[in-house]
Protein backbone atom coordinates (compact mmCIF):
# COMPACT_ATOMS: atom_id res chain seq x y z
CA MET A 1 0.80 170.95 -77.08
CA ARG A 2 -2.78 169.92 -76.67
CA VAL A 3 -3.34 167.49 -73.78
CA THR A 4 -6.46 165.43 -74.17
CA ASN A 5 -8.45 163.61 -71.53
CA ASN A 6 -7.37 160.27 -73.00
CA MET A 7 -3.75 161.23 -72.57
CA ILE A 8 -4.38 162.18 -68.97
CA MET A 9 -6.21 158.92 -68.30
CA ARG A 10 -3.47 156.82 -69.92
CA ASN A 11 -0.79 158.56 -67.87
CA SER A 12 -2.83 158.16 -64.73
CA SER A 13 -3.34 154.47 -65.45
CA TYR A 14 0.39 154.02 -66.00
CA ASN A 15 1.22 155.77 -62.75
CA ILE A 16 -1.38 153.76 -60.86
CA ASN A 17 0.15 150.50 -62.13
CA GLY A 18 3.59 151.75 -61.14
CA THR A 19 2.58 152.55 -57.59
CA LYS A 20 0.61 149.31 -57.45
CA GLY A 21 3.76 147.42 -58.45
CA MET A 22 5.65 149.20 -55.66
CA VAL A 23 2.95 148.11 -53.21
CA ASN A 24 3.21 144.53 -54.48
CA THR A 25 7.00 144.58 -54.21
CA SER A 26 6.83 145.91 -50.66
CA ALA A 27 4.20 143.29 -49.76
CA ASN A 28 6.49 140.51 -51.06
CA GLN A 29 9.42 141.97 -49.13
CA MET A 30 7.29 142.10 -46.00
CA THR A 31 6.45 138.43 -46.43
CA THR A 32 9.98 137.18 -47.26
CA GLN A 33 12.04 139.99 -45.69
CA LYS A 34 14.29 139.65 -48.75
CA LYS A 35 15.30 142.46 -51.06
CA ILE A 36 14.49 140.58 -54.24
CA SER A 37 12.46 137.55 -55.23
CA ARG A 38 13.95 137.17 -58.73
CA PRO A 39 17.35 138.11 -60.20
CA SER A 40 15.84 140.58 -62.68
CA GLU A 41 14.73 142.83 -59.83
CA ASP A 42 18.38 143.67 -58.96
CA PRO A 43 21.11 141.72 -60.82
CA VAL A 44 23.89 143.11 -58.59
CA VAL A 45 22.21 141.83 -55.42
CA ALA A 46 21.48 138.51 -57.14
CA ILE A 47 25.12 137.96 -58.20
CA ARG A 48 26.49 138.83 -54.80
CA SER A 49 23.92 136.53 -53.19
CA LEU A 50 24.99 133.59 -55.35
CA ARG A 51 28.66 134.17 -54.51
CA LEU A 52 27.97 134.50 -50.80
CA ASN A 53 25.76 131.39 -50.83
CA THR A 54 28.52 129.36 -52.48
CA SER A 55 31.12 130.54 -49.96
CA LEU A 56 28.78 129.97 -47.02
CA ASP A 57 27.89 126.45 -48.16
CA ARG A 58 31.58 125.58 -48.42
CA VAL A 59 32.44 127.04 -45.00
CA SER A 60 29.37 125.37 -43.46
CA GLN A 61 30.60 122.03 -44.83
CA TYR A 62 33.90 122.55 -43.02
CA TYR A 63 32.37 123.89 -39.81
CA LYS A 64 29.31 121.67 -39.40
CA LYS A 65 30.50 118.39 -40.96
CA ASN A 66 34.22 117.98 -41.67
CA ILE A 67 35.58 119.48 -38.45
CA PRO A 68 33.14 117.63 -36.11
CA ASP A 69 33.86 114.39 -38.00
CA ALA A 70 37.60 114.91 -37.62
CA GLU A 71 37.19 115.76 -33.92
CA SER A 72 35.22 112.56 -33.31
CA TRP A 73 37.86 110.48 -35.13
CA LEU A 74 40.63 112.03 -33.01
CA ASP A 75 38.62 111.54 -29.80
CA VAL A 76 38.22 107.81 -30.52
CA THR A 77 41.93 107.53 -31.34
CA GLU A 78 42.95 109.34 -28.16
CA THR A 79 40.68 107.19 -25.99
CA ALA A 80 42.10 103.99 -27.47
CA LEU A 81 45.67 105.21 -26.91
CA LEU A 82 44.91 106.18 -23.31
CA ASN A 83 43.42 102.73 -22.68
CA MET A 84 46.48 101.15 -24.27
CA LYS A 85 48.72 103.29 -22.07
CA THR A 86 46.84 102.10 -18.97
CA LEU A 87 47.34 98.48 -20.04
CA MET A 88 51.02 99.05 -20.75
CA THR A 89 51.41 100.69 -17.34
CA ASP A 90 49.87 97.58 -15.78
CA MET A 91 52.29 95.48 -17.82
CA ARG A 92 55.17 97.56 -16.49
CA THR A 93 53.97 96.92 -12.95
CA GLN A 94 54.13 93.18 -13.61
CA THR A 95 57.67 93.45 -15.01
CA VAL A 96 58.74 95.30 -11.88
CA ASN A 97 57.14 92.62 -9.72
CA GLY A 98 58.74 89.83 -11.77
CA ALA A 99 62.19 91.39 -11.55
CA THR A 100 62.35 90.87 -7.78
CA ASP A 101 64.19 87.84 -6.38
CA THR A 102 61.80 87.34 -3.44
CA LEU A 103 58.77 85.99 -5.29
CA THR A 104 56.50 83.41 -3.71
CA GLN A 105 54.35 80.94 -5.61
CA GLU A 106 51.37 83.18 -4.86
CA ASN A 107 53.23 86.15 -6.35
CA ARG A 108 54.08 84.16 -9.49
CA ASN A 109 50.50 82.98 -9.89
CA THR A 110 49.26 86.56 -9.55
CA ILE A 111 51.72 87.79 -12.18
CA LEU A 112 50.75 84.95 -14.52
CA ALA A 113 47.00 85.61 -14.18
CA GLN A 114 47.40 89.34 -14.74
CA LEU A 115 49.70 88.88 -17.74
CA LYS A 116 47.23 86.52 -19.41
CA ALA A 117 44.40 89.00 -18.85
CA LEU A 118 46.51 91.83 -20.26
CA GLN A 119 47.51 89.72 -23.25
CA GLN A 120 43.86 89.20 -24.17
CA GLN A 121 43.07 92.91 -23.92
CA ILE A 122 46.29 94.59 -25.05
CA PHE A 123 45.46 94.81 -28.74
CA ALA A 124 41.68 94.78 -28.48
CA GLU A 125 42.04 98.56 -28.28
CA GLY A 126 43.68 98.38 -31.70
CA ASN A 127 40.28 97.47 -33.16
CA ALA A 128 38.78 100.76 -31.95
CA ASP A 129 36.42 102.16 -34.56
CA TYR A 130 34.57 105.35 -35.38
CA ALA A 131 31.20 104.93 -37.11
CA GLY A 132 32.18 101.41 -38.16
CA ARG A 133 35.60 102.43 -39.48
CA THR A 134 38.68 101.16 -37.61
CA VAL A 135 40.98 104.07 -36.79
CA PHE A 136 44.41 102.37 -36.76
CA THR A 137 44.29 100.55 -40.09
CA GLY A 138 45.04 103.31 -42.61
CA PHE A 139 42.88 103.20 -45.72
CA ARG A 140 41.56 99.72 -44.89
CA THR A 141 39.01 101.01 -42.39
CA ASN A 142 36.71 98.07 -43.06
CA LYS A 143 39.17 95.55 -41.58
CA ASP A 144 40.25 94.92 -37.99
CA LEU A 145 43.80 95.41 -36.79
CA VAL A 146 43.87 92.04 -35.01
CA PHE A 147 42.13 88.75 -35.56
CA THR A 148 38.93 88.70 -33.53
CA GLU A 149 38.55 84.91 -33.70
CA ASN A 150 40.90 81.95 -34.16
CA ASP A 151 41.51 81.50 -37.88
CA GLU A 152 42.96 78.20 -39.03
CA THR A 153 42.89 78.79 -42.79
CA THR A 154 44.32 82.25 -43.49
CA SER A 155 47.86 82.04 -44.85
CA TYR A 156 50.48 84.74 -45.38
CA ALA A 157 54.00 84.97 -46.75
CA ILE A 158 55.59 87.58 -44.49
CA GLU A 159 58.77 89.57 -45.03
CA GLN A 160 60.34 90.89 -41.84
CA ARG A 161 63.38 93.15 -41.65
CA PHE A 162 65.90 93.56 -38.83
CA ASN A 163 69.17 95.28 -38.02
CA GLY A 164 72.13 93.51 -36.48
CA THR A 165 71.56 95.52 -33.31
CA ASP A 166 68.15 93.82 -32.94
CA LEU A 167 69.87 90.60 -31.86
CA GLU A 168 69.09 89.85 -28.23
CA SER A 169 70.54 87.34 -25.82
CA PHE A 170 68.16 84.56 -24.79
CA SER A 171 68.51 81.48 -22.59
CA TYR A 172 67.44 77.97 -23.58
CA PHE A 173 67.07 75.08 -21.14
CA THR A 174 67.55 71.35 -21.68
CA GLY A 175 66.60 68.53 -19.32
CA ASP A 176 63.46 69.31 -17.32
CA VAL A 177 63.14 67.28 -14.14
CA LYS A 178 60.34 64.69 -14.34
CA VAL A 179 59.07 64.25 -10.77
CA PRO A 180 58.60 60.54 -9.90
CA THR A 181 55.23 59.42 -8.58
CA THR A 182 56.01 55.93 -7.27
CA GLU A 183 58.78 54.33 -5.23
CA ALA A 184 59.91 52.38 -8.28
CA GLU A 185 60.28 55.62 -10.27
CA VAL A 186 62.15 57.26 -7.39
CA MET A 187 64.69 54.47 -7.31
CA GLY A 188 64.80 53.54 -11.01
CA ASN A 189 64.18 56.60 -13.20
CA ALA A 190 67.09 58.62 -14.47
CA ILE A 191 67.43 62.05 -12.94
CA SER A 192 67.55 64.80 -15.53
CA ASP A 193 70.27 67.40 -15.32
CA THR A 194 69.04 70.85 -16.38
CA THR A 195 71.47 72.65 -18.66
CA LYS A 196 71.30 76.26 -19.80
CA THR A 197 72.69 77.64 -23.05
CA SER A 198 72.50 81.28 -24.12
CA TYR A 199 72.61 82.59 -27.68
CA TYR A 200 71.64 85.63 -29.65
CA ARG A 201 68.34 85.37 -31.45
CA LEU A 202 66.01 87.22 -33.78
CA ARG A 203 62.37 86.68 -33.00
CA THR A 204 59.75 86.69 -35.74
CA ALA A 205 56.46 88.43 -35.08
CA TYR A 206 54.59 85.11 -34.82
CA LYS A 207 54.84 81.67 -33.30
CA ASP A 208 54.00 78.44 -35.11
CA VAL A 209 55.61 79.41 -38.40
CA ASP A 210 55.14 77.01 -41.32
CA GLU A 211 58.60 77.46 -42.79
CA LEU A 212 61.41 79.97 -43.11
CA THR A 213 61.56 80.45 -46.88
CA SER A 214 64.53 82.83 -47.07
CA PHE A 215 67.14 84.49 -44.88
CA SER A 216 69.87 86.92 -45.89
CA TYR A 217 71.89 89.80 -44.52
CA THR A 218 73.66 92.70 -46.15
CA TYR A 219 76.53 94.99 -45.16
CA ASP A 220 79.28 96.85 -47.05
CA GLY A 221 77.29 96.34 -50.24
CA ALA A 222 77.53 92.53 -50.10
CA THR A 223 74.58 90.19 -49.46
CA THR A 224 75.04 86.79 -47.82
CA THR A 225 72.50 83.99 -47.89
CA PRO A 226 73.64 81.46 -45.25
CA THR A 227 72.32 77.97 -44.64
CA VAL A 228 69.69 77.76 -41.92
CA THR A 229 68.80 74.51 -40.14
CA SER A 230 65.13 74.33 -39.15
CA TYR A 231 63.45 72.31 -36.41
CA ASP A 232 59.78 72.01 -35.55
CA THR A 233 60.26 72.40 -31.78
CA GLU A 234 62.97 73.08 -29.23
CA ASP A 235 62.76 69.41 -28.19
CA ASP A 236 63.59 68.39 -31.78
CA TRP A 237 66.56 70.75 -31.67
CA ALA A 238 67.73 69.22 -28.37
CA ALA A 239 67.26 65.69 -29.72
CA ALA A 240 69.33 66.49 -32.81
CA THR A 241 72.22 68.16 -30.98
CA GLY A 242 72.16 66.45 -27.59
CA LEU A 243 71.76 69.85 -25.96
CA LYS A 244 70.22 73.03 -27.26
CA GLU A 245 73.44 74.15 -28.87
CA VAL A 246 74.38 76.06 -32.02
CA ASP A 247 77.74 75.88 -33.75
CA PRO A 248 79.49 79.31 -33.67
CA ASP A 249 79.13 79.66 -37.45
CA ALA A 250 75.65 78.11 -37.73
CA ILE A 251 72.07 79.39 -37.69
CA VAL A 252 69.06 77.49 -36.34
CA PHE A 253 65.37 78.27 -36.80
CA ILE A 254 62.65 76.92 -34.49
CA ARG A 255 59.27 76.94 -36.22
CA GLU A 256 57.22 76.52 -33.03
CA THR A 257 58.64 79.61 -31.31
CA GLY A 258 59.60 81.62 -34.40
CA ASP A 259 63.15 82.04 -33.04
CA LEU A 260 66.13 82.41 -35.38
CA ILE A 261 69.14 81.46 -33.24
CA VAL A 262 72.61 82.43 -34.44
CA GLY A 263 76.00 81.12 -33.38
CA ASP A 264 78.46 83.36 -31.58
CA ASN A 265 80.59 84.13 -34.64
CA VAL A 266 77.58 84.95 -36.79
CA ALA A 267 76.13 87.16 -34.04
CA ALA A 268 79.40 89.07 -33.69
CA GLU A 269 79.53 89.65 -37.46
CA LEU A 270 75.94 90.87 -37.69
CA LYS A 271 76.18 93.14 -34.65
CA SER A 272 79.55 94.70 -35.48
CA HIS A 273 78.56 95.56 -39.05
CA HIS A 274 74.99 96.64 -38.22
CA ALA A 275 73.89 94.26 -40.94
CA GLN A 276 70.54 94.69 -42.65
CA ILE A 277 68.72 91.39 -42.20
CA THR A 278 65.73 90.13 -44.17
CA MET A 279 63.79 86.97 -43.54
CA THR A 280 60.67 85.67 -45.23
CA TYR A 281 58.45 83.00 -43.75
CA ASP A 282 55.07 81.39 -44.31
CA LYS A 283 52.42 81.20 -41.63
CA THR A 284 49.01 79.54 -41.78
CA GLY A 285 46.51 79.99 -38.99
CA PHE A 286 46.29 82.89 -36.53
CA ASN A 287 45.03 83.07 -32.98
CA LYS A 288 42.54 85.54 -31.63
CA GLY A 289 44.34 88.76 -30.70
CA GLU A 290 47.24 88.33 -33.14
CA LEU A 291 48.04 91.23 -35.46
CA ARG A 292 47.17 91.10 -39.13
CA PRO A 293 50.55 91.12 -40.92
CA GLU A 294 49.65 93.72 -43.57
CA TYR A 295 49.68 96.52 -41.01
CA TYR A 296 53.31 95.93 -40.02
CA PHE A 297 55.09 94.10 -42.84
CA ASN A 298 55.33 93.61 -46.56
CA CYS A 299 53.38 90.42 -47.06
CA THR A 300 51.22 88.38 -49.40
CA ASP A 301 47.86 86.90 -48.49
CA GLN A 302 48.09 83.48 -50.12
CA THR A 303 44.99 81.93 -48.61
CA ASP A 304 43.64 81.55 -52.13
CA PRO A 305 46.61 80.52 -54.31
CA LEU A 306 44.74 81.62 -57.43
CA ASN A 307 43.95 85.06 -56.02
CA THR A 308 46.88 86.25 -53.91
CA ILE A 309 46.91 89.76 -52.49
CA ASP A 310 50.14 91.74 -52.04
CA TYR A 311 50.46 94.32 -49.26
CA GLU A 312 53.27 96.87 -49.20
CA LYS A 313 54.28 98.51 -45.93
CA PHE A 314 57.86 99.47 -46.82
CA ASP A 315 59.41 100.63 -50.08
CA ALA A 316 62.58 99.20 -51.64
CA ASP A 317 64.77 101.43 -49.45
CA GLY A 318 63.05 100.27 -46.27
CA ASN A 319 61.11 103.50 -45.75
CA GLU A 320 57.65 103.09 -44.29
CA ILE A 321 54.80 103.88 -46.64
CA GLY A 322 52.14 106.01 -44.97
CA TYR A 323 48.43 105.63 -45.60
CA ASP A 324 47.04 108.90 -44.32
CA ILE A 325 43.39 109.86 -44.06
CA ASN A 326 43.10 113.61 -44.63
CA TYR A 327 40.16 115.84 -43.82
CA THR A 328 39.69 119.22 -45.54
CA VAL A 329 38.92 121.49 -42.58
CA SER A 330 39.11 124.87 -44.29
CA ALA A 331 39.96 126.42 -47.64
CA ASN A 332 43.32 125.01 -48.82
CA GLN A 333 43.93 123.26 -45.47
CA THR A 334 43.87 119.54 -44.75
CA LEU A 335 44.65 117.63 -41.55
CA THR A 336 45.77 114.02 -41.20
CA VAL A 337 43.39 112.59 -38.60
CA ASN A 338 44.43 108.93 -38.52
CA LEU A 339 47.33 107.28 -36.75
CA GLU A 340 48.52 103.93 -38.04
CA ALA A 341 49.04 101.12 -35.56
CA SER A 342 52.74 100.78 -36.38
CA ASP A 343 53.25 104.43 -35.39
CA ALA A 344 51.70 103.94 -31.96
CA PHE A 345 52.54 100.49 -30.63
CA SER A 346 55.03 97.82 -31.53
CA GLY A 347 54.07 94.43 -32.87
CA ASP A 348 56.65 92.94 -30.44
CA ILE A 349 54.44 93.55 -27.41
CA LEU A 350 52.52 90.28 -27.74
CA ARG A 351 55.70 88.28 -28.27
CA ASP A 352 57.25 89.90 -25.22
CA MET A 353 54.22 88.89 -23.21
CA ASP A 354 54.54 85.33 -24.55
CA ASP A 355 58.13 85.21 -23.31
CA MET A 356 57.17 86.66 -19.93
CA ILE A 357 54.31 84.20 -19.50
CA ALA A 358 56.58 81.31 -20.49
CA ALA A 359 59.26 82.43 -18.01
CA VAL A 360 56.90 82.76 -15.05
CA THR A 361 55.20 79.48 -15.97
CA ARG A 362 58.57 77.74 -16.01
CA ALA A 363 59.37 79.14 -12.56
CA LEU A 364 55.98 78.07 -11.22
CA ASN A 365 56.41 74.54 -12.53
CA ALA A 366 59.96 74.30 -11.18
CA HIS A 367 58.90 75.30 -7.68
CA ASP A 368 55.91 72.96 -7.81
CA LYS A 369 58.39 70.15 -8.49
CA LEU A 370 60.43 71.21 -5.47
CA ASP A 371 57.36 71.23 -3.26
CA ASN A 372 56.24 67.80 -4.54
CA ILE A 373 59.63 66.22 -3.85
CA LYS A 374 59.80 67.80 -0.38
CA SER A 375 56.35 66.38 0.35
CA MET A 376 57.46 62.93 -0.84
CA MET A 377 60.44 63.05 1.52
CA GLU A 378 58.05 63.40 4.45
CA GLU A 379 55.93 60.40 3.46
CA THR A 380 56.43 57.18 5.47
CA GLN A 381 56.93 55.02 2.38
CA TYR A 382 60.13 56.95 1.64
CA ASP A 383 61.55 57.13 5.18
CA ASP A 384 64.25 54.52 4.56
CA PRO A 385 67.80 55.84 4.04
CA ALA A 386 68.07 54.65 0.43
CA SER A 387 64.86 56.41 -0.61
CA GLN A 388 65.83 59.54 1.27
CA GLU A 389 69.23 59.60 -0.40
CA ARG A 390 67.64 59.12 -3.81
CA LEU A 391 64.99 61.78 -3.17
CA GLN A 392 67.73 64.15 -2.07
CA LYS A 393 69.29 63.77 -5.52
CA TRP A 394 65.91 64.45 -7.11
CA LEU A 395 65.59 67.50 -4.87
CA SER A 396 69.02 68.80 -5.89
CA ALA A 397 68.13 68.43 -9.57
CA ALA A 398 64.78 70.19 -9.04
CA GLN A 399 66.50 72.93 -7.04
CA LYS A 400 68.95 73.51 -9.90
CA GLU A 401 66.08 73.79 -12.35
CA ALA A 402 64.24 76.21 -10.02
CA ASP A 403 67.38 78.33 -9.56
CA TYR A 404 67.81 78.54 -13.34
CA ALA A 405 64.14 79.44 -13.74
CA ASP A 406 64.26 82.12 -11.05
CA ASP A 407 67.43 83.64 -12.45
CA ASN A 408 66.00 83.61 -15.96
CA LEU A 409 62.73 85.14 -14.74
CA GLN A 410 64.48 87.95 -12.90
CA LYS A 411 66.85 88.80 -15.76
CA MET A 412 64.14 88.60 -18.41
CA TYR A 413 61.77 90.84 -16.50
CA SER A 414 64.55 93.34 -15.83
CA ALA A 415 65.24 93.46 -19.58
CA GLU A 416 61.53 93.68 -20.35
CA LEU A 417 61.23 96.69 -18.07
CA GLY A 418 63.36 98.69 -20.50
CA LYS A 419 61.31 97.46 -23.46
CA VAL A 420 58.02 98.37 -21.81
CA ASP A 421 59.37 101.84 -21.04
CA GLY A 422 60.14 102.16 -24.75
CA TYR A 423 56.61 101.10 -25.64
CA LEU A 424 55.20 103.65 -23.20
CA THR A 425 57.40 106.33 -24.74
CA ASN A 426 56.01 105.52 -28.19
CA LEU A 427 52.46 105.67 -26.84
CA ASN A 428 53.14 109.03 -25.21
CA LEU A 429 54.57 110.35 -28.47
CA ALA A 430 51.48 109.11 -30.31
CA LEU A 431 49.23 110.79 -27.74
CA THR A 432 51.23 114.00 -28.11
CA LYS A 433 50.82 113.86 -31.88
CA VAL A 434 47.07 113.35 -31.56
CA GLY A 435 46.86 116.16 -29.00
CA CYS A 436 48.74 118.57 -31.29
CA THR A 437 46.38 117.70 -34.14
CA GLU A 438 43.39 118.31 -31.85
CA ASP A 439 44.80 121.71 -30.84
CA GLN A 440 45.36 122.63 -34.48
CA LEU A 441 41.83 121.52 -35.29
CA ARG A 442 40.36 123.60 -32.47
CA LEU A 443 42.18 126.72 -33.71
CA THR A 444 40.92 126.03 -37.22
CA GLU A 445 37.42 125.56 -35.86
CA VAL A 446 37.52 129.01 -34.23
CA ARG A 447 38.71 130.59 -37.45
CA VAL A 448 36.13 128.81 -39.61
CA SER A 449 33.42 129.70 -37.08
CA ASN A 450 34.33 133.36 -37.46
CA GLN A 451 34.28 132.99 -41.24
CA ASP A 452 30.86 131.38 -41.03
CA GLU A 453 29.51 134.23 -38.91
CA THR A 454 31.04 136.87 -41.19
CA LEU A 455 29.61 135.30 -44.32
CA GLN A 456 26.18 134.98 -42.72
CA GLU A 457 26.30 138.65 -41.77
CA LEU A 458 27.36 139.69 -45.29
CA GLN A 459 24.65 137.53 -46.81
CA SER A 460 22.06 139.05 -44.50
CA GLN A 461 23.21 142.57 -45.40
CA ASN A 462 23.01 141.73 -49.10
CA ASP A 463 19.74 139.74 -49.14
CA ASP A 464 17.66 140.81 -46.15
CA MET A 465 15.68 143.92 -45.25
CA GLU A 466 14.72 145.26 -41.84
CA ILE A 467 11.02 144.89 -41.18
CA SER A 468 10.81 148.54 -40.07
CA ASP A 469 12.28 149.72 -43.37
CA ILE A 470 9.84 147.51 -45.29
CA ILE A 471 6.87 148.93 -43.33
CA ILE A 472 7.96 152.51 -44.05
CA GLN A 473 8.49 151.68 -47.72
CA TYR A 474 5.18 149.80 -47.90
CA THR A 475 3.30 152.65 -46.22
CA ALA A 476 4.77 155.21 -48.64
CA ALA A 477 3.97 153.04 -51.64
CA TYR A 478 0.45 152.38 -50.37
CA ASN A 479 -0.18 156.07 -49.74
CA ALA A 480 1.11 156.92 -53.22
CA TYR A 481 -1.15 154.25 -54.65
CA ASN A 482 -4.21 155.61 -52.86
CA ALA A 483 -3.33 159.16 -53.87
CA SER A 484 -3.02 158.15 -57.51
CA LEU A 485 -6.38 156.42 -57.33
CA THR A 486 -7.97 159.51 -55.82
CA ALA A 487 -6.44 161.79 -58.44
CA ALA A 488 -7.53 159.49 -61.24
CA SER A 489 -11.06 159.33 -59.90
CA ARG A 490 -11.25 163.12 -59.90
CA LEU A 491 -10.02 163.26 -63.48
CA GLY A 492 -12.70 160.79 -64.48
CA GLU A 493 -15.38 163.16 -63.22
CA MET A 494 -14.31 165.95 -65.64
CA THR A 495 -16.02 165.94 -69.09
CA LEU A 496 -16.58 168.43 -71.95
CA LEU A 497 -19.96 169.29 -70.48
CA ASN A 498 -18.25 170.92 -67.49
CA TYR A 499 -17.08 173.64 -69.88
CA ILE A 500 -20.45 174.27 -71.72
CA ARG A 501 -22.52 177.07 -70.27
């Protein structure tokens, strides 16, 4: 076959362009340190790169965003629970102090001051938030667990459920001693006789209830809806019955205290049959620090009668409905990071503190009366025998009231000690649950971190080139390019005249 000069020049030009393209490719690789700059250069590398990028982005989302976010949420939850535990431990200390029978007025005042301080702080921890989202309120992270200010207008219809075993014995007192201030009052005023009655009660979650709208109990498949007599205050109850008494087969509700007081026969029936008890009541107005009902009970916000809002905490069978917040922390793995308030601390804590404060206040007042009467007995205007005899009767009545108050204080605080231990147990269980979730999250974090490193290494192996390899490849391509140029230049020097003699 005849090979012409034009053929040689075309082939040389083609080869020069080829080596020039190799030089250009190597130069791009040297700049980017990537194997390819467009998919057409190596489709296999391009496809693997896309797959690895997708996997790495997903793992990076878990490792750099989801897991740290979940860790922060759990840290805030744990801190709030630890603070709550510290407060409950302080509350336990006060119950131990109150259970002693050797309290002085100074001791009682100290207990009262500390209980009031604890009451203001106890549920403030329940409003703990992470990045503006409250951590104990389930899905409703934009709302606080407790009222942060006094609210006189908000109104709820609240359904609260009990078991017959929830009935607790409670003492009620009639006839507080009114200490006289003048000689005429000492001689002329009637001396009150303090009387104590004890009944079983169920305590609603709130004081100052508007009205008990329904009450029923169920056992052995039968539901009973008894008649309930309501009074605004305990004084109204005492005025209506002479003493604070309940007929054995009757039920009394005190709106001011939220106490449902049952007669002895009714209490025995409810306790022996472990009756399921349901009561519904309306409440308008909430104090700062009180729990929002929707986090503990089935209820209806009826503040706006034309736009009521129903909240469901329990299903028809009485099972609690959970509102979990789940974080995806790795492929096909989610973790529940939130803990609802009802799973960590009881709504009864504030009411228990109300009872404790009332009991120590009653004891303080009773002993103040004793001290006032004793002081009056030492005054010269009462040194005559008739006044002394009359003051002695006042003193006996005040002493009886003080003895009742001390006995009630000691017994109540002894009973509260067991309740507080139960609250602490629940808090410890909640802390354990959070700790287990944190441990699980840390193990997942290690695994995802390893996945992240592995994927980065695979991506680097697929996409990247070593600079030394690129330099060698570039040098070879450049040398080939120069050689092809040199060869082509030599061919260009040859013409037909070189062969004419």
